[in-house]
Amino acid sequence: YFNKLECFCFEERVVAPGETKKLPIVYFVSADMLEDRVAKSLETITLSYTFFDSSSYSGEKKAAQKGAANSANAG
């Protein structure tokens, strides 16, 4: 019922320490939610985002290593 149409999180963003930026977020909440016995009782939708320092992030390297290990194990 909750659809993210546009979000700053779809693209890499660089924010310097102390910098202020306006970041796009567009959501759509479907009226179909009102037809759901459980969901129709919801009164609040809370969104929370946490920004992390990615300068030491090696996720791509770890993913590549994991992929190589999986390929080696499959053979």
C-alpha atoms as a PDB file:
ATOM      1  CA  TYR A   1       0.000   0.000   0.000  1.00  0.00           C
ATOM      2  CA  PHE A   2       2.994   2.264   0.484  1.00  0.00           C
ATOM      3  CA  ASN A   3       4.955   3.072  -2.670  1.00  0.00           C
ATOM      4  CA  LYS A   4       8.174   5.041  -2.916  1.00  0.00           C
ATOM      5  CA  LEU A   5       8.034   6.967  -6.203  1.00  0.00           C
ATOM      6  CA  GLU A   6      11.054   9.220  -5.830  1.00  0.00           C
ATOM      7  CA  CYS A   7      13.774   9.132  -3.219  1.00  0.00           C
ATOM      8  CA  PHE A   8      17.202  10.592  -2.682  1.00  0.00           C
ATOM      9  CA  CYS A   9      18.215   7.054  -1.757  1.00  0.00           C
ATOM     10  CA  PHE A  10      17.867   5.893  -5.391  1.00  0.00           C
ATOM     11  CA  GLU A  11      21.139   7.643  -6.242  1.00  0.00           C
ATOM     12  CA  GLU A  12      24.442   8.133  -4.457  1.00  0.00           C
ATOM     13  CA  ARG A  13      24.558  11.481  -2.658  1.00  0.00           C
ATOM     14  CA  VAL A  14      27.563  13.218  -1.154  1.00  0.00           C
ATOM     15  CA  VAL A  15      26.868  15.432   1.842  1.00  0.00           C
ATOM     16  CA  ALA A  16      29.786  17.192   3.484  1.00  0.00           C
ATOM     17  CA  PRO A  17      29.957  17.523   7.289  1.00  0.00           C
ATOM     18  CA  GLY A  18      27.728  20.401   8.373  1.00  0.00           C
ATOM     19  CA  GLU A  19      26.231  20.741   4.880  1.00  0.00           C
ATOM     20  CA  THR A  20      22.493  21.181   4.471  1.00  0.00           C
ATOM     21  CA  LYS A  21      20.678  19.744   1.440  1.00  0.00           C
ATOM     22  CA  LYS A  22      17.085  19.379   0.350  1.00  0.00           C
ATOM     23  CA  LEU A  23      16.597  15.774  -0.712  1.00  0.00           C
ATOM     24  CA  PRO A  24      13.585  14.550  -2.720  1.00  0.00           C
ATOM     25  CA  ILE A  25      11.157  12.013  -1.316  1.00  0.00           C
ATOM     26  CA  VAL A  26       7.793  11.262  -2.950  1.00  0.00           C
ATOM     27  CA  TYR A  27       5.519   8.529  -1.622  1.00  0.00           C
ATOM     28  CA  PHE A  28       2.071   7.302  -2.542  1.00  0.00           C
ATOM     29  CA  VAL A  29      -0.266   5.616  -0.072  1.00  0.00           C
ATOM     30  CA  SER A  30      -2.877   3.578  -1.915  1.00  0.00           C
ATOM     31  CA  ALA A  31      -6.547   3.975  -1.035  1.00  0.00           C
ATOM     32  CA  ASP A  32      -6.698   0.157  -1.287  1.00  0.00           C
ATOM     33  CA  MET A  33      -5.276   0.212   2.224  1.00  0.00           C
ATOM     34  CA  LEU A  34      -8.767   1.101   3.458  1.00  0.00           C
ATOM     35  CA  GLU A  35     -10.052  -2.237   2.157  1.00  0.00           C
ATOM     36  CA  ASP A  36      -7.552  -4.225   4.238  1.00  0.00           C
ATOM     37  CA  ARG A  37      -8.997  -5.308   7.586  1.00  0.00           C
ATOM     38  CA  VAL A  38      -5.715  -4.798   9.453  1.00  0.00           C
ATOM     39  CA  ALA A  39      -4.115  -1.965   7.484  1.00  0.00           C
ATOM     40  CA  LYS A  40      -7.179   0.292   7.547  1.00  0.00           C
ATOM     41  CA  SER A  41      -6.730   0.803  11.289  1.00  0.00           C
ATOM     42  CA  LEU A  42      -3.296   2.403  10.816  1.00  0.00           C
ATOM     43  CA  GLU A  43      -3.322   6.091  11.607  1.00  0.00           C
ATOM     44  CA  THR A  44       0.373   6.935  11.263  1.00  0.00           C
ATOM     45  CA  ILE A  45       3.180   6.005   8.877  1.00  0.00           C
ATOM     46  CA  THR A  46       6.624   6.871  10.226  1.00  0.00           C
ATOM     47  CA  LEU A  47       9.706   7.090   8.013  1.00  0.00           C
ATOM     48  CA  SER A  48      13.221   7.132   9.380  1.00  0.00           C
ATOM     49  CA  TYR A  49      16.502   7.478   7.514  1.00  0.00           C
ATOM     50  CA  THR A  50      20.008   7.240   8.928  1.00  0.00           C
ATOM     51  CA  PHE A  51      23.018   8.618   7.094  1.00  0.00           C
ATOM     52  CA  PHE A  52      26.327   6.828   7.514  1.00  0.00           C
ATOM     53  CA  ASP A  53      29.877   7.779   6.600  1.00  0.00           C
ATOM     54  CA  SER A  54      30.599   5.655   3.552  1.00  0.00           C
ATOM     55  CA  SER A  55      34.247   6.624   3.099  1.00  0.00           C
ATOM     56  CA  SER A  56      35.361   3.302   4.560  1.00  0.00           C
ATOM     57  CA  TYR A  57      32.527   1.223   3.059  1.00  0.00           C
ATOM     58  CA  SER A  58      33.787  -1.677   0.995  1.00  0.00           C
ATOM     59  CA  GLY A  59      30.430  -3.275   0.204  1.00  0.00           C
ATOM     60  CA  GLU A  60      31.173  -3.677  -3.505  1.00  0.00           C
ATOM     61  CA  LYS A  61      34.489  -5.344  -2.722  1.00  0.00           C
ATOM     62  CA  LYS A  62      32.835  -7.685  -0.203  1.00  0.00           C
ATOM     63  CA  ALA A  63      30.047  -8.511  -2.677  1.00  0.00           C
ATOM     64  CA  ALA A  64      32.624  -9.284  -5.383  1.00  0.00           C
ATOM     65  CA  GLN A  65      34.565 -11.523  -2.997  1.00  0.00           C
ATOM     66  CA  LYS A  66      31.379 -13.324  -1.963  1.00  0.00           C
ATOM     67  CA  GLY A  67      30.393 -13.796  -5.613  1.00  0.00           C
ATOM     68  CA  ALA A  68      33.815 -15.234  -6.429  1.00  0.00           C
ATOM     69  CA  ALA A  69      33.600 -17.599  -3.460  1.00  0.00           C
ATOM     70  CA  ASN A  70      30.119 -18.756  -4.493  1.00  0.00           C
ATOM     71  CA  SER A  71      31.338 -19.368  -8.071  1.00  0.00           C
ATOM     72  CA  ALA A  72      34.297 -21.384  -6.795  1.00  0.00           C
ATOM     73  CA  ASN A  73      32.039 -23.478  -4.548  1.00  0.00           C
ATOM     74  CA  ALA A  74      29.547 -24.102  -7.356  1.00  0.00           C
ATOM     75  CA  GLY A  75      32.189 -25.614  -9.652  1.00  0.00           C
END
